[in-house]
Amino acid sequence: MPDDSGMNAAQPWTKLFAQRWAAFRDGLDEFYKGPYRQMFAREKQSEDDFFTLIVLGEALGVPDPAAYYTAEFLPSLYQDFHAWHRRMGMPDSPLDHIACC
């Protein structure tokens, strides 16, 4: 029968190595991404705002040939609609059928 004592002795070392390697990898990830986190957040917000404008374009009076396909995204945008129109500089809801203010 094989002796399991050799495998048990190696397991703590490999587990410790894996933990330290993961900590090192996370540290490097933070080192390289950290300074740009705010820029990434701004760009994501800008893309989300543009997506909202495209989806709500037909309701805002902008002709949209893909309105049939973008209409299915409307329910996912309702929860963020108030923050979006305030960010765009509209104090009240520009849409008659969405009264959030």
N, C-alpha and C. Protein backbone atom coordinates (compact mmCIF):
# COMPACT_ATOMS: atom_id res chain seq x y z
N MET A 1 0.83 -1.18 0.00
CA MET A 1 0.00 0.00 0.00
C MET A 1 0.89 1.26 0.00
N PRO A 2 0.52 2.25 -0.78
CA PRO A 2 1.33 3.46 -0.82
C PRO A 2 1.20 4.23 0.49
N ASP A 3 2.27 4.89 0.82
CA ASP A 3 2.30 5.68 2.04
C ASP A 3 1.76 7.08 1.74
N ASP A 4 0.74 7.52 2.43
CA ASP A 4 0.14 8.84 2.21
C ASP A 4 0.86 9.94 2.98
N SER A 5 1.83 9.58 3.80
CA SER A 5 2.49 10.60 4.61
C SER A 5 3.25 11.60 3.75
N GLY A 6 3.79 11.18 2.62
CA GLY A 6 4.50 12.10 1.73
C GLY A 6 3.57 13.10 1.08
N MET A 7 2.38 12.68 0.73
CA MET A 7 1.42 13.59 0.11
C MET A 7 0.88 14.59 1.13
N ASN A 8 0.66 14.14 2.33
CA ASN A 8 0.14 15.04 3.36
C ASN A 8 1.17 16.10 3.73
N ALA A 9 2.44 15.76 3.68
CA ALA A 9 3.49 16.72 3.99
C ALA A 9 3.60 17.77 2.89
N ALA A 10 3.30 17.41 1.66
CA ALA A 10 3.41 18.35 0.55
C ALA A 10 2.19 19.25 0.44
N GLN A 11 1.08 18.84 0.92
CA GLN A 11 -0.14 19.63 0.79
C GLN A 11 -0.06 20.99 1.49
N PRO A 12 0.43 21.09 2.73
CA PRO A 12 0.50 22.42 3.34
C PRO A 12 1.41 23.37 2.58
N TRP A 13 2.53 22.84 2.04
CA TRP A 13 3.43 23.70 1.30
C TRP A 13 2.79 24.22 0.03
N THR A 14 2.10 23.35 -0.72
CA THR A 14 1.46 23.79 -1.97
C THR A 14 0.31 24.74 -1.68
N LYS A 15 -0.39 24.50 -0.59
CA LYS A 15 -1.50 25.40 -0.22
C LYS A 15 -0.95 26.78 0.15
N LEU A 16 0.15 26.81 0.91
CA LEU A 16 0.77 28.07 1.28
C LEU A 16 1.29 28.80 0.05
N PHE A 17 1.91 28.06 -0.86
CA PHE A 17 2.40 28.67 -2.09
C PHE A 17 1.26 29.24 -2.92
N ALA A 18 0.16 28.51 -3.02
CA ALA A 18 -0.99 28.98 -3.79
C ALA A 18 -1.58 30.24 -3.17
N GLN A 19 -1.64 30.30 -1.84
CA GLN A 19 -2.18 31.49 -1.18
C GLN A 19 -1.27 32.70 -1.40
N ARG A 20 0.03 32.48 -1.27
CA ARG A 20 0.97 33.60 -1.47
C ARG A 20 0.98 34.05 -2.93
N TRP A 21 0.88 33.11 -3.85
CA TRP A 21 0.85 33.47 -5.27
C TRP A 21 -0.41 34.27 -5.58
N ALA A 22 -1.55 33.87 -5.00
CA ALA A 22 -2.79 34.61 -5.21
C ALA A 22 -2.70 36.01 -4.63
N ALA A 23 -2.08 36.15 -3.46
CA ALA A 23 -1.90 37.47 -2.85
C ALA A 23 -0.99 38.34 -3.71
N PHE A 24 0.08 37.76 -4.24
CA PHE A 24 0.98 38.50 -5.12
C PHE A 24 0.28 38.94 -6.39
N ARG A 25 -0.49 38.03 -6.98
CA ARG A 25 -1.24 38.33 -8.20
C ARG A 25 -2.26 39.45 -7.95
N ASP A 26 -2.96 39.38 -6.83
CA ASP A 26 -3.92 40.43 -6.49
C ASP A 26 -3.23 41.77 -6.26
N GLY A 27 -2.06 41.73 -5.65
CA GLY A 27 -1.30 42.96 -5.44
C GLY A 27 -0.87 43.59 -6.75
N LEU A 28 -0.39 42.78 -7.67
CA LEU A 28 -0.02 43.30 -8.99
C LEU A 28 -1.23 43.85 -9.74
N ASP A 29 -2.33 43.16 -9.64
CA ASP A 29 -3.57 43.62 -10.27
C ASP A 29 -3.96 44.99 -9.73
N GLU A 30 -3.90 45.15 -8.42
CA GLU A 30 -4.24 46.44 -7.80
C GLU A 30 -3.23 47.51 -8.19
N PHE A 31 -1.95 47.15 -8.27
CA PHE A 31 -0.91 48.11 -8.62
C PHE A 31 -1.13 48.68 -10.02
N TYR A 32 -1.51 47.84 -10.96
CA TYR A 32 -1.67 48.30 -12.33
C TYR A 32 -3.03 48.91 -12.62
N LYS A 33 -4.08 48.42 -11.97
CA LYS A 33 -5.43 48.93 -12.23
C LYS A 33 -5.82 50.08 -11.31
N GLY A 34 -5.21 50.17 -10.16
CA GLY A 34 -5.59 51.16 -9.15
C GLY A 34 -5.64 52.59 -9.65
N PRO A 35 -4.58 53.09 -10.29
CA PRO A 35 -4.59 54.48 -10.73
C PRO A 35 -5.66 54.80 -11.79
N TYR A 36 -6.16 53.78 -12.46
CA TYR A 36 -7.11 54.01 -13.55
C TYR A 36 -8.54 53.67 -13.18
N ARG A 37 -8.79 53.31 -11.94
CA ARG A 37 -10.12 52.88 -11.54
C ARG A 37 -11.17 53.98 -11.73
N GLN A 38 -10.83 55.21 -11.41
CA GLN A 38 -11.77 56.32 -11.57
C GLN A 38 -12.05 56.57 -13.05
N MET A 39 -11.04 56.48 -13.88
CA MET A 39 -11.23 56.68 -15.32
C MET A 39 -12.12 55.58 -15.90
N PHE A 40 -11.90 54.32 -15.47
CA PHE A 40 -12.73 53.22 -15.93
C PHE A 40 -14.18 53.43 -15.50
N ALA A 41 -14.40 53.90 -14.29
CA ALA A 41 -15.76 54.15 -13.80
C ALA A 41 -16.43 55.25 -14.61
N ARG A 42 -15.69 56.33 -14.93
CA ARG A 42 -16.25 57.41 -15.74
C ARG A 42 -16.62 56.93 -17.13
N GLU A 43 -15.75 56.15 -17.74
CA GLU A 43 -16.02 55.63 -19.08
C GLU A 43 -17.20 54.66 -19.09
N LYS A 44 -17.31 53.85 -18.06
CA LYS A 44 -18.45 52.94 -17.96
C LYS A 44 -19.75 53.74 -17.82
N GLN A 45 -19.71 54.80 -17.02
CA GLN A 45 -20.90 55.65 -16.86
C GLN A 45 -21.25 56.31 -18.18
N SER A 46 -20.26 56.76 -18.92
CA SER A 46 -20.50 57.39 -20.21
C SER A 46 -21.12 56.39 -21.20
N GLU A 47 -20.60 55.17 -21.22
CA GLU A 47 -21.18 54.15 -22.10
C GLU A 47 -22.61 53.80 -21.69
N ASP A 48 -22.86 53.71 -20.39
CA ASP A 48 -24.21 53.42 -19.92
C ASP A 48 -25.18 54.54 -20.29
N ASP A 49 -24.73 55.79 -20.19
CA ASP A 49 -25.57 56.93 -20.57
C ASP A 49 -25.89 56.90 -22.07
N PHE A 50 -24.90 56.57 -22.87
CA PHE A 50 -25.12 56.49 -24.31
C PHE A 50 -26.09 55.36 -24.65
N PHE A 51 -25.93 54.22 -23.99
CA PHE A 51 -26.84 53.10 -24.20
C PHE A 51 -28.27 53.49 -23.83
N THR A 52 -28.44 54.20 -22.72
CA THR A 52 -29.77 54.65 -22.31
C THR A 52 -30.35 55.60 -23.34
N LEU A 53 -29.55 56.50 -23.86
CA LEU A 53 -30.02 57.42 -24.90
C LEU A 53 -30.45 56.68 -26.15
N ILE A 54 -29.70 55.66 -26.54
CA ILE A 54 -30.06 54.88 -27.73
C ILE A 54 -31.37 54.14 -27.50
N VAL A 55 -31.52 53.52 -26.33
CA VAL A 55 -32.74 52.75 -26.05
C VAL A 55 -33.95 53.66 -25.94
N LEU A 56 -33.77 54.82 -25.32
CA LEU A 56 -34.91 55.74 -25.14
C LEU A 56 -35.05 56.72 -26.29
N GLY A 57 -34.25 56.59 -27.32
CA GLY A 57 -34.27 57.54 -28.43
C GLY A 57 -35.64 57.68 -29.07
N GLU A 58 -36.31 56.59 -29.32
CA GLU A 58 -37.63 56.64 -29.96
C GLU A 58 -38.63 57.38 -29.07
N ALA A 59 -38.57 57.16 -27.78
CA ALA A 59 -39.48 57.84 -26.86
C ALA A 59 -39.15 59.32 -26.74
N LEU A 60 -37.90 59.69 -26.99
CA LEU A 60 -37.49 61.09 -26.92
C LEU A 60 -37.70 61.82 -28.24
N GLY A 61 -38.16 61.11 -29.27
CA GLY A 61 -38.45 61.75 -30.55
C GLY A 61 -37.35 61.61 -31.58
N VAL A 62 -36.35 60.81 -31.31
CA VAL A 62 -35.28 60.57 -32.27
C VAL A 62 -35.65 59.34 -33.07
N PRO A 63 -35.74 59.44 -34.40
CA PRO A 63 -36.09 58.26 -35.19
C PRO A 63 -35.03 57.17 -35.02
N ASP A 64 -35.49 55.98 -34.75
CA ASP A 64 -34.59 54.86 -34.49
C ASP A 64 -35.06 53.64 -35.27
N PRO A 65 -34.29 53.22 -36.27
CA PRO A 65 -34.70 52.05 -37.04
C PRO A 65 -34.66 50.75 -36.23
N ALA A 66 -33.94 50.74 -35.12
CA ALA A 66 -33.84 49.52 -34.31
C ALA A 66 -34.73 49.60 -33.06
N ALA A 67 -35.74 50.46 -33.08
CA ALA A 67 -36.59 50.64 -31.89
C ALA A 67 -37.30 49.35 -31.51
N TYR A 68 -37.63 48.54 -32.47
CA TYR A 68 -38.29 47.27 -32.18
C TYR A 68 -37.40 46.38 -31.32
N TYR A 69 -36.10 46.41 -31.58
CA TYR A 69 -35.16 45.55 -30.85
C TYR A 69 -34.75 46.16 -29.52
N THR A 70 -34.69 47.48 -29.45
CA THR A 70 -34.27 48.12 -28.21
C THR A 70 -35.41 48.22 -27.20
N ALA A 71 -36.63 48.02 -27.62
CA ALA A 71 -37.77 48.13 -26.71
C ALA A 71 -37.72 47.09 -25.60
N GLU A 72 -37.11 45.97 -25.85
CA GLU A 72 -37.04 44.94 -24.82
C GLU A 72 -36.06 45.29 -23.71
N PHE A 73 -35.23 46.31 -23.90
CA PHE A 73 -34.31 46.76 -22.85
C PHE A 73 -34.95 47.78 -21.91
N LEU A 74 -36.10 48.32 -22.28
CA LEU A 74 -36.73 49.37 -21.47
C LEU A 74 -36.95 48.98 -20.00
N PRO A 75 -37.46 47.81 -19.70
CA PRO A 75 -37.67 47.49 -18.28
C PRO A 75 -36.39 47.51 -17.44
N SER A 76 -35.27 47.19 -18.03
CA SER A 76 -34.02 47.21 -17.26
C SER A 76 -33.51 48.63 -17.04
N LEU A 77 -34.01 49.61 -17.79
CA LEU A 77 -33.55 50.99 -17.65
C LEU A 77 -34.42 51.81 -16.70
N TYR A 78 -35.60 51.35 -16.38
CA TYR A 78 -36.51 52.15 -15.55
C TYR A 78 -35.94 52.48 -14.19
N GLN A 79 -35.21 51.56 -13.57
CA GLN A 79 -34.72 51.81 -12.23
C GLN A 79 -33.63 52.89 -12.20
N ASP A 80 -32.90 53.08 -13.29
CA ASP A 80 -31.84 54.09 -13.34
C ASP A 80 -32.26 55.33 -14.12
N PHE A 81 -33.50 55.40 -14.53
CA PHE A 81 -33.93 56.50 -15.40
C PHE A 81 -33.82 57.85 -14.71
N HIS A 82 -34.22 57.93 -13.45
CA HIS A 82 -34.20 59.21 -12.72
C HIS A 82 -32.77 59.74 -12.63
N ALA A 83 -31.83 58.91 -12.25
CA ALA A 83 -30.43 59.36 -12.16
C ALA A 83 -29.90 59.77 -13.53
N TRP A 84 -30.33 59.06 -14.57
CA TRP A 84 -29.85 59.38 -15.91
C TRP A 84 -30.34 60.76 -16.36
N HIS A 85 -31.63 61.03 -16.23
CA HIS A 85 -32.11 62.33 -16.75
C HIS A 85 -31.60 63.49 -15.90
N ARG A 86 -31.30 63.24 -14.62
CA ARG A 86 -30.70 64.30 -13.80
C ARG A 86 -29.25 64.55 -14.25
N ARG A 87 -28.51 63.49 -14.57
CA ARG A 87 -27.14 63.64 -15.05
C ARG A 87 -27.10 64.35 -16.40
N MET A 88 -28.12 64.15 -17.22
CA MET A 88 -28.16 64.77 -18.54
C MET A 88 -28.63 66.22 -18.48
N GLY A 89 -28.95 66.70 -17.29
CA GLY A 89 -29.33 68.10 -17.12
C GLY A 89 -30.81 68.36 -17.28
N MET A 90 -31.64 67.33 -17.21
CA MET A 90 -33.09 67.50 -17.31
C MET A 90 -33.68 67.40 -15.90
N PRO A 91 -34.19 68.51 -15.37
CA PRO A 91 -34.68 68.46 -13.99
C PRO A 91 -35.92 67.58 -13.82
N ASP A 92 -36.75 67.48 -14.85
CA ASP A 92 -37.95 66.64 -14.80
C ASP A 92 -37.85 65.56 -15.87
N SER A 93 -38.66 64.55 -15.73
CA SER A 93 -38.66 63.45 -16.69
C SER A 93 -39.07 63.96 -18.07
N PRO A 94 -38.28 63.69 -19.11
CA PRO A 94 -38.63 64.15 -20.45
C PRO A 94 -39.71 63.28 -21.11
N LEU A 95 -40.06 62.19 -20.51
CA LEU A 95 -41.03 61.28 -21.09
C LEU A 95 -42.35 61.38 -20.33
N ASP A 96 -43.43 61.43 -21.09
CA ASP A 96 -44.75 61.54 -20.47
C ASP A 96 -45.16 60.27 -19.74
N HIS A 97 -44.78 59.13 -20.27
CA HIS A 97 -45.24 57.86 -19.69
C HIS A 97 -44.34 57.36 -18.56
N ILE A 98 -43.24 58.06 -18.27
CA ILE A 98 -42.38 57.72 -17.13
C ILE A 98 -42.35 58.93 -16.21
N ALA A 99 -43.06 58.86 -15.14
CA ALA A 99 -43.09 59.96 -14.17
C ALA A 99 -42.31 59.54 -12.92
N CYS A 100 -41.06 59.97 -12.85
CA CYS A 100 -40.25 59.56 -11.72
C CYS A 100 -40.03 60.70 -10.73
N CYS A 101 -40.29 61.91 -11.14
CA CYS A 101 -40.02 63.06 -10.26
C CYS A 101 -41.31 63.62 -9.67
